[in-house]
Amino acid sequence: MALFPLQANFRGDFVVLLVPVDDGDDMSIVADKVAQHAVGLRVAEKGAPKCVYYNGRELPSSMTVAQSGIQPMDWIEVAYV
């Protein structure tokens, strides 16, 4: 397991985040890690599931960072489904 940073944004937020993730984290964990820095602060809580987008496509919530091909400092977006 390797820890590395990702550039991230939660859809609707204006802040670009630098979020540390583990290559063993699945996308639901990654989404939660990004959301904790935006939801309830600058983005309204919706109580809905969240998804991760990478290179314009939605990644399955059970896919790990290692399986996705995401590299350190790559850009992801998290949004409510």
PDB file of N, CA and C in Angstrom:
ATOM      1  N   MET A   1       0.838  -1.177   0.000  1.00  0.00           N
ATOM      2  CA  MET A   1       0.000   0.000   0.000  1.00  0.00           C
ATOM      3  C   MET A   1       0.890   1.250   0.000  1.00  0.00           C
ATOM      4  N   ALA A   2       0.569   2.145  -0.911  1.00  0.00           N
ATOM      5  CA  ALA A   2       1.359   3.364  -1.039  1.00  0.00           C
ATOM      6  C   ALA A   2       0.458   4.587  -0.923  1.00  0.00           C
ATOM      7  N   LEU A   3       0.885   5.519  -0.120  1.00  0.00           N
ATOM      8  CA  LEU A   3       0.146   6.767   0.070  1.00  0.00           C
ATOM      9  C   LEU A   3       0.672   7.812  -0.908  1.00  0.00           C
ATOM     10  N   PHE A   4      -0.249   8.487  -1.617  1.00  0.00           N
ATOM     11  CA  PHE A   4       0.174   9.568  -2.507  1.00  0.00           C
ATOM     12  C   PHE A   4      -0.933  10.600  -2.661  1.00  0.00           C
ATOM     13  N   PRO A   5      -0.571  11.820  -3.121  1.00  0.00           N
ATOM     14  CA  PRO A   5      -1.544  12.910  -3.227  1.00  0.00           C
ATOM     15  C   PRO A   5      -2.264  12.927  -4.574  1.00  0.00           C
ATOM     16  N   LEU A   6      -3.532  13.360  -4.537  1.00  0.00           N
ATOM     17  CA  LEU A   6      -4.306  13.618  -5.740  1.00  0.00           C
ATOM     18  C   LEU A   6      -4.825  15.045  -5.698  1.00  0.00           C
ATOM     19  N   GLN A   7      -4.899  15.689  -6.850  1.00  0.00           N
ATOM     20  CA  GLN A   7      -5.596  16.961  -6.962  1.00  0.00           C
ATOM     21  C   GLN A   7      -7.070  16.615  -7.138  1.00  0.00           C
ATOM     22  N   ALA A   8      -7.919  17.276  -6.379  1.00  0.00           N
ATOM     23  CA  ALA A   8      -9.333  16.920  -6.416  1.00  0.00           C
ATOM     24  C   ALA A   8     -10.222  18.137  -6.248  1.00  0.00           C
ATOM     25  N   ASN A   9     -11.434  17.972  -6.728  1.00  0.00           N
ATOM     26  CA  ASN A   9     -12.471  18.986  -6.568  1.00  0.00           C
ATOM     27  C   ASN A   9     -13.781  18.264  -6.344  1.00  0.00           C
ATOM     28  N   PHE A  10     -14.598  18.796  -5.434  1.00  0.00           N
ATOM     29  CA  PHE A  10     -15.957  18.289  -5.273  1.00  0.00           C
ATOM     30  C   PHE A  10     -16.840  19.184  -6.130  1.00  0.00           C
ATOM     31  N   ARG A  11     -17.604  18.591  -7.040  1.00  0.00           N
ATOM     32  CA  ARG A  11     -18.425  19.367  -7.976  1.00  0.00           C
ATOM     33  C   ARG A  11     -19.290  20.379  -7.222  1.00  0.00           C
ATOM     34  N   GLY A  12     -19.217  21.630  -7.642  1.00  0.00           N
ATOM     35  CA  GLY A  12     -19.943  22.720  -6.998  1.00  0.00           C
ATOM     36  C   GLY A  12     -19.076  23.539  -6.061  1.00  0.00           C
ATOM     37  N   ASP A  13     -17.888  23.046  -5.754  1.00  0.00           N
ATOM     38  CA  ASP A  13     -16.946  23.766  -4.901  1.00  0.00           C
ATOM     39  C   ASP A  13     -15.962  24.523  -5.796  1.00  0.00           C
ATOM     40  N   PHE A  14     -15.422  25.614  -5.281  1.00  0.00           N
ATOM     41  CA  PHE A  14     -14.453  26.398  -6.055  1.00  0.00           C
ATOM     42  C   PHE A  14     -13.022  26.114  -5.635  1.00  0.00           C
ATOM     43  N   VAL A  15     -12.819  25.279  -4.625  1.00  0.00           N
ATOM     44  CA  VAL A  15     -11.489  25.019  -4.082  1.00  0.00           C
ATOM     45  C   VAL A  15     -10.905  23.740  -4.700  1.00  0.00           C
ATOM     46  N   VAL A  16      -9.666  23.820  -5.143  1.00  0.00           N
ATOM     47  CA  VAL A  16      -8.928  22.638  -5.581  1.00  0.00           C
ATOM     48  C   VAL A  16      -8.209  22.092  -4.358  1.00  0.00           C
ATOM     49  N   LEU A  17      -8.368  20.814  -4.125  1.00  0.00           N
ATOM     50  CA  LEU A  17      -7.821  20.174  -2.930  1.00  0.00           C
ATOM     51  C   LEU A  17      -6.629  19.288  -3.282  1.00  0.00           C
ATOM     52  N   LEU A  18      -5.747  19.105  -2.335  1.00  0.00           N
ATOM     53  CA  LEU A  18      -4.675  18.136  -2.431  1.00  0.00           C
ATOM     54  C   LEU A  18      -4.987  17.096  -1.355  1.00  0.00           C
ATOM     55  N   VAL A  19      -5.407  15.915  -1.787  1.00  0.00           N
ATOM     56  CA  VAL A  19      -5.926  14.907  -0.861  1.00  0.00           C
ATOM     57  C   VAL A  19      -5.039  13.665  -0.897  1.00  0.00           C
ATOM     58  N   PRO A  20      -4.528  13.218   0.262  1.00  0.00           N
ATOM     59  CA  PRO A  20      -3.737  11.986   0.283  1.00  0.00           C
ATOM     60  C   PRO A  20      -4.652  10.763   0.244  1.00  0.00           C
ATOM     61  N   VAL A  21      -4.341   9.834  -0.655  1.00  0.00           N
ATOM     62  CA  VAL A  21      -5.082   8.576  -0.749  1.00  0.00           C
ATOM     63  C   VAL A  21      -4.092   7.427  -0.753  1.00  0.00           C
ATOM     64  N   ASP A  22      -4.597   6.251  -0.476  1.00  0.00           N
ATOM     65  CA  ASP A  22      -3.792   5.037  -0.515  1.00  0.00           C
ATOM     66  C   ASP A  22      -4.140   4.286  -1.786  1.00  0.00           C
ATOM     67  N   ASP A  23      -3.175   3.634  -2.402  1.00  0.00           N
ATOM     68  CA  ASP A  23      -3.478   2.919  -3.644  1.00  0.00           C
ATOM     69  C   ASP A  23      -4.432   1.747  -3.428  1.00  0.00           C
ATOM     70  N   GLY A  24      -4.652   1.348  -2.185  1.00  0.00           N
ATOM     71  CA  GLY A  24      -5.611   0.296  -1.867  1.00  0.00           C
ATOM     72  C   GLY A  24      -7.007   0.809  -1.567  1.00  0.00           C
ATOM     73  N   ASP A  25      -7.172   2.137  -1.485  1.00  0.00           N
ATOM     74  CA  ASP A  25      -8.501   2.723  -1.243  1.00  0.00           C
ATOM     75  C   ASP A  25      -9.403   2.476  -2.435  1.00  0.00           C
ATOM     76  N   ASP A  26     -10.678   2.109  -2.171  1.00  0.00           N
ATOM     77  CA  ASP A  26     -11.615   2.031  -3.290  1.00  0.00           C
ATOM     78  C   ASP A  26     -12.216   3.419  -3.513  1.00  0.00           C
ATOM     79  N   MET A  27     -12.933   3.569  -4.613  1.00  0.00           N
ATOM     80  CA  MET A  27     -13.425   4.897  -5.000  1.00  0.00           C
ATOM     81  C   MET A  27     -14.435   5.466  -4.007  1.00  0.00           C
ATOM     82  N   SER A  28     -15.164   4.624  -3.280  1.00  0.00           N
ATOM     83  CA  SER A  28     -16.072   5.155  -2.263  1.00  0.00           C
ATOM     84  C   SER A  28     -15.290   5.809  -1.132  1.00  0.00           C
ATOM     85  N   ILE A  29     -14.146   5.246  -0.780  1.00  0.00           N
ATOM     86  CA  ILE A  29     -13.284   5.846   0.254  1.00  0.00           C
ATOM     87  C   ILE A  29     -12.659   7.132  -0.270  1.00  0.00           C
ATOM     88  N   VAL A  30     -12.192   7.109  -1.515  1.00  0.00           N
ATOM     89  CA  VAL A  30     -11.610   8.309  -2.120  1.00  0.00           C
ATOM     90  C   VAL A  30     -12.642   9.432  -2.141  1.00  0.00           C
ATOM     91  N   ALA A  31     -13.874   9.110  -2.545  1.00  0.00           N
ATOM     92  CA  ALA A  31     -14.945  10.114  -2.580  1.00  0.00           C
ATOM     93  C   ALA A  31     -15.186  10.701  -1.192  1.00  0.00           C
ATOM     94  N   ASP A  32     -15.188   9.860  -0.171  1.00  0.00           N
ATOM     95  CA  ASP A  32     -15.388  10.337   1.200  1.00  0.00           C
ATOM     96  C   ASP A  32     -14.229  11.219   1.659  1.00  0.00           C
ATOM     97  N   LYS A  33     -13.005  10.869   1.277  1.00  0.00           N
ATOM     98  CA  LYS A  33     -11.837  11.670   1.666  1.00  0.00           C
ATOM     99  C   LYS A  33     -11.905  13.064   1.051  1.00  0.00           C
ATOM    100  N   VAL A  34     -12.361  13.144  -0.192  1.00  0.00           N
ATOM    101  CA  VAL A  34     -12.504  14.452  -0.836  1.00  0.00           C
ATOM    102  C   VAL A  34     -13.677  15.211  -0.221  1.00  0.00           C
ATOM    103  N   ALA A  35     -14.787  14.521  -0.018  1.00  0.00           N
ATOM    104  CA  ALA A  35     -16.004  15.156   0.499  1.00  0.00           C
ATOM    105  C   ALA A  35     -15.800  15.770   1.878  1.00  0.00           C
ATOM    106  N   GLN A  36     -14.975  15.166   2.700  1.00  0.00           N
ATOM    107  CA  GLN A  36     -14.798  15.688   4.058  1.00  0.00           C
ATOM    108  C   GLN A  36     -14.205  17.092   4.077  1.00  0.00           C
ATOM    109  N   HIS A  37     -13.596  17.509   2.969  1.00  0.00           N
ATOM    110  CA  HIS A  37     -13.006  18.845   2.877  1.00  0.00           C
ATOM    111  C   HIS A  37     -13.918  19.863   2.205  1.00  0.00           C
ATOM    112  N   ALA A  38     -15.102  19.425   1.738  1.00  0.00           N
ATOM    113  CA  ALA A  38     -15.984  20.336   1.004  1.00  0.00           C
ATOM    114  C   ALA A  38     -17.443  20.272   1.473  1.00  0.00           C
ATOM    115  N   VAL A  39     -17.959  19.071   1.671  1.00  0.00           N
ATOM    116  CA  VAL A  39     -19.378  18.907   2.020  1.00  0.00           C
ATOM    117  C   VAL A  39     -19.615  19.398   3.441  1.00  0.00           C
ATOM    118  N   GLY A  40     -20.631  20.233   3.560  1.00  0.00           N
ATOM    119  CA  GLY A  40     -20.942  20.830   4.853  1.00  0.00           C
ATOM    120  C   GLY A  40     -20.154  22.101   5.111  1.00  0.00           C
ATOM    121  N   LEU A  41     -19.190  22.398   4.241  1.00  0.00           N
ATOM    122  CA  LEU A  41     -18.393  23.621   4.362  1.00  0.00           C
ATOM    123  C   LEU A  41     -18.756  24.592   3.240  1.00  0.00           C
ATOM    124  N   ARG A  42     -18.550  24.150   1.989  1.00  0.00           N
ATOM    125  CA  ARG A  42     -18.865  24.984   0.823  1.00  0.00           C
ATOM    126  C   ARG A  42     -19.868  24.314  -0.112  1.00  0.00           C
ATOM    127  N   VAL A  43     -20.120  23.036   0.119  1.00  0.00           N
ATOM    128  CA  VAL A  43     -21.082  22.267  -0.675  1.00  0.00           C
ATOM    129  C   VAL A  43     -22.133  21.708   0.274  1.00  0.00           C
ATOM    130  N   ALA A  44     -23.398  21.835  -0.101  1.00  0.00           N
ATOM    131  CA  ALA A  44     -24.489  21.357   0.758  1.00  0.00           C
ATOM    132  C   ALA A  44     -24.496  19.827   0.838  1.00  0.00           C
ATOM    133  N   GLU A  45     -24.793  19.328   2.022  1.00  0.00           N
ATOM    134  CA  GLU A  45     -24.952  17.884   2.242  1.00  0.00           C
ATOM    135  C   GLU A  45     -26.246  17.427   1.587  1.00  0.00           C
ATOM    136  N   LYS A  46     -26.178  16.364   0.769  1.00  0.00           N
ATOM    137  CA  LYS A  46     -27.366  15.849   0.100  1.00  0.00           C
ATOM    138  C   LYS A  46     -27.785  14.479   0.599  1.00  0.00           C
ATOM    139  N   GLY A  47     -26.923  13.813   1.331  1.00  0.00           N
ATOM    140  CA  GLY A  47     -27.252  12.482   1.804  1.00  0.00           C
ATOM    141  C   GLY A  47     -27.385  11.474   0.667  1.00  0.00           C
ATOM    142  N   ALA A  48     -26.753  11.748  -0.457  1.00  0.00           N
ATOM    143  CA  ALA A  48     -26.803  10.880  -1.635  1.00  0.00           C
ATOM    144  C   ALA A  48     -25.435  10.227  -1.838  1.00  0.00           C
ATOM    145  N   PRO A  49     -25.389   9.137  -2.584  1.00  0.00           N
ATOM    146  CA  PRO A  49     -24.099   8.513  -2.879  1.00  0.00           C
ATOM    147  C   PRO A  49     -23.212   9.459  -3.691  1.00  0.00           C
ATOM    148  N   LYS A  50     -21.900   9.243  -3.559  1.00  0.00           N
ATOM    149  CA  LYS A  50     -20.923  10.058  -4.280  1.00  0.00           C
ATOM    150  C   LYS A  50     -20.164   9.173  -5.259  1.00  0.00           C
ATOM    151  N   CYS A  51     -19.682   9.773  -6.340  1.00  0.00           N
ATOM    152  CA  CYS A  51     -18.884   9.020  -7.306  1.00  0.00           C
ATOM    153  C   CYS A  51     -17.637   9.820  -7.673  1.00  0.00           C
ATOM    154  N   VAL A  52     -16.643   9.095  -8.175  1.00  0.00           N
ATOM    155  CA  VAL A  52     -15.372   9.684  -8.589  1.00  0.00           C
ATOM    156  C   VAL A  52     -15.297   9.660 -10.112  1.00  0.00           C
ATOM    157  N   TYR A  53     -14.886  10.788 -10.697  1.00  0.00           N
ATOM    158  CA  TYR A  53     -14.664  10.896 -12.136  1.00  0.00           C
ATOM    159  C   TYR A  53     -13.178  11.094 -12.384  1.00  0.00           C
ATOM    160  N   TYR A  54     -12.666  10.341 -13.352  1.00  0.00           N
ATOM    161  CA  TYR A  54     -11.262  10.443 -13.743  1.00  0.00           C
ATOM    162  C   TYR A  54     -11.207  10.417 -15.264  1.00  0.00           C
ATOM    163  N   ASN A  55     -10.588  11.416 -15.847  1.00  0.00           N
ATOM    164  CA  ASN A  55     -10.522  11.547 -17.305  1.00  0.00           C
ATOM    165  C   ASN A  55     -11.908  11.495 -17.942  1.00  0.00           C
ATOM    166  N   GLY A  56     -12.869  12.116 -17.284  1.00  0.00           N
ATOM    167  CA  GLY A  56     -14.201  12.236 -17.840  1.00  0.00           C
ATOM    168  C   GLY A  56     -15.105  11.030 -17.696  1.00  0.00           C
ATOM    169  N   ARG A  57     -14.635   9.977 -17.032  1.00  0.00           N
ATOM    170  CA  ARG A  57     -15.501   8.813 -16.861  1.00  0.00           C
ATOM    171  C   ARG A  57     -15.684   8.484 -15.389  1.00  0.00           C
ATOM    172  N   GLU A  58     -16.879   7.993 -15.081  1.00  0.00           N
ATOM    173  CA  GLU A  58     -17.195   7.611 -13.712  1.00  0.00           C
ATOM    174  C   GLU A  58     -16.536   6.276 -13.406  1.00  0.00           C
ATOM    175  N   LEU A  59     -15.859   6.211 -12.264  1.00  0.00           N
ATOM    176  CA  LEU A  59     -15.200   4.971 -11.862  1.00  0.00           C
ATOM    177  C   LEU A  59     -16.113   4.180 -10.929  1.00  0.00           C
ATOM    178  N   PRO A  60     -16.131   2.854 -11.053  1.00  0.00           N
ATOM    179  CA  PRO A  60     -16.951   2.030 -10.152  1.00  0.00           C
ATOM    180  C   PRO A  60     -16.513   2.221  -8.704  1.00  0.00           C
ATOM    181  N   SER A  61     -17.471   2.229  -7.802  1.00  0.00           N
ATOM    182  CA  SER A  61     -17.160   2.504  -6.391  1.00  0.00           C
ATOM    183  C   SER A  61     -16.278   1.428  -5.767  1.00  0.00           C
ATOM    184  N   SER A  62     -16.288   0.219  -6.312  1.00  0.00           N
ATOM    185  CA  SER A  62     -15.470  -0.858  -5.748  1.00  0.00           C
ATOM    186  C   SER A  62     -14.056  -0.913  -6.339  1.00  0.00           C
ATOM    187  N   MET A  63     -13.784  -0.111  -7.369  1.00  0.00           N
ATOM    188  CA  MET A  63     -12.452  -0.084  -7.998  1.00  0.00           C
ATOM    189  C   MET A  63     -11.460   0.606  -7.075  1.00  0.00           C
ATOM    190  N   THR A  64     -10.268   0.033  -6.948  1.00  0.00           N
ATOM    191  CA  THR A  64      -9.243   0.653  -6.119  1.00  0.00           C
ATOM    192  C   THR A  64      -8.460   1.681  -6.934  1.00  0.00           C
ATOM    193  N   VAL A  65      -7.740   2.514  -6.223  1.00  0.00           N
ATOM    194  CA  VAL A  65      -6.897   3.508  -6.890  1.00  0.00           C
ATOM    195  C   VAL A  65      -5.884   2.801  -7.787  1.00  0.00           C
ATOM    196  N   ALA A  66      -5.271   1.726  -7.310  1.00  0.00           N
ATOM    197  CA  ALA A  66      -4.288   0.987  -8.101  1.00  0.00           C
ATOM    198  C   ALA A  66      -4.911   0.427  -9.380  1.00  0.00           C
ATOM    199  N   GLN A  67      -6.121  -0.083  -9.298  1.00  0.00           N
ATOM    200  CA  GLN A  67      -6.801  -0.644 -10.472  1.00  0.00           C
ATOM    201  C   GLN A  67      -7.198   0.431 -11.488  1.00  0.00           C
ATOM    202  N   SER A  68      -7.410   1.652 -11.005  1.00  0.00           N
ATOM    203  CA  SER A  68      -7.915   2.728 -11.868  1.00  0.00           C
ATOM    204  C   SER A  68      -6.846   3.331 -12.776  1.00  0.00           C
ATOM    205  N   GLY A  69      -5.595   3.164 -12.413  1.00  0.00           N
ATOM    206  CA  GLY A  69      -4.519   3.781 -13.180  1.00  0.00           C
ATOM    207  C   GLY A  69      -4.228   5.219 -12.780  1.00  0.00           C
ATOM    208  N   ILE A  70      -4.917   5.713 -11.757  1.00  0.00           N
ATOM    209  CA  ILE A  70      -4.667   7.069 -11.264  1.00  0.00           C
ATOM    210  C   ILE A  70      -3.246   7.131 -10.703  1.00  0.00           C
ATOM    211  N   GLN A  71      -2.535   8.194 -11.066  1.00  0.00           N
ATOM    212  CA  GLN A  71      -1.154   8.391 -10.624  1.00  0.00           C
ATOM    213  C   GLN A  71      -1.072   9.568  -9.657  1.00  0.00           C
ATOM    214  N   PRO A  72       0.022   9.659  -8.875  1.00  0.00           N
ATOM    215  CA  PRO A  72       0.184  10.798  -7.970  1.00  0.00           C
ATOM    216  C   PRO A  72       0.011  12.126  -8.706  1.00  0.00           C
ATOM    217  N   MET A  73      -0.711  13.023  -8.079  1.00  0.00           N
ATOM    218  CA  MET A  73      -0.988  14.373  -8.551  1.00  0.00           C
ATOM    219  C   MET A  73      -1.948  14.430  -9.741  1.00  0.00           C
ATOM    220  N   ASP A  74      -2.559  13.307 -10.120  1.00  0.00           N
ATOM    221  CA  ASP A  74      -3.597  13.344 -11.148  1.00  0.00           C
ATOM    222  C   ASP A  74      -4.819  14.090 -10.612  1.00  0.00           C
ATOM    223  N   TRP A  75      -5.673  14.534 -11.520  1.00  0.00           N
ATOM    224  CA  TRP A  75      -6.869  15.302 -11.196  1.00  0.00           C
ATOM    225  C   TRP A  75      -8.085  14.374 -11.182  1.00  0.00           C
ATOM    226  N   ILE A  76      -8.882  14.440 -10.100  1.00  0.00           N
ATOM    227  CA  ILE A  76     -10.160  13.729 -10.045  1.00  0.00           C
ATOM    228  C   ILE A  76     -11.239  14.709  -9.637  1.00  0.00           C
ATOM    229  N   GLU A  77     -12.477  14.359  -9.947  1.00  0.00           N
ATOM    230  CA  GLU A  77     -13.625  15.138  -9.500  1.00  0.00           C
ATOM    231  C   GLU A  77     -14.563  14.187  -8.782  1.00  0.00           C
ATOM    232  N   VAL A  78     -15.155  14.659  -7.695  1.00  0.00           N
ATOM    233  CA  VAL A  78     -16.132  13.869  -6.943  1.00  0.00           C
ATOM    234  C   VAL A  78     -17.452  14.616  -7.024  1.00  0.00           C
ATOM    235  N   ALA A  79     -18.535  13.876  -7.170  1.00  0.00           N
ATOM    236  CA  ALA A  79     -19.860  14.485  -7.280  1.00  0.00           C
ATOM    237  C   ALA A  79     -20.902  13.561  -6.683  1.00  0.00           C
ATOM    238  N   TYR A  80     -22.048  14.140  -6.353  1.00  0.00           N
ATOM    239  CA  TYR A  80     -23.178  13.317  -5.961  1.00  0.00           C
ATOM    240  C   TYR A  80     -23.714  12.610  -7.196  1.00  0.00           C
ATOM    241  N   VAL A  81     -24.207  11.395  -7.010  1.00  0.00           N
ATOM    242  CA  VAL A  81     -24.798  10.622  -8.118  1.00  0.00           C
ATOM    243  C   VAL A  81     -26.132  11.223  -8.465  1.00  0.00           C
TER     244      VAL A  81
END
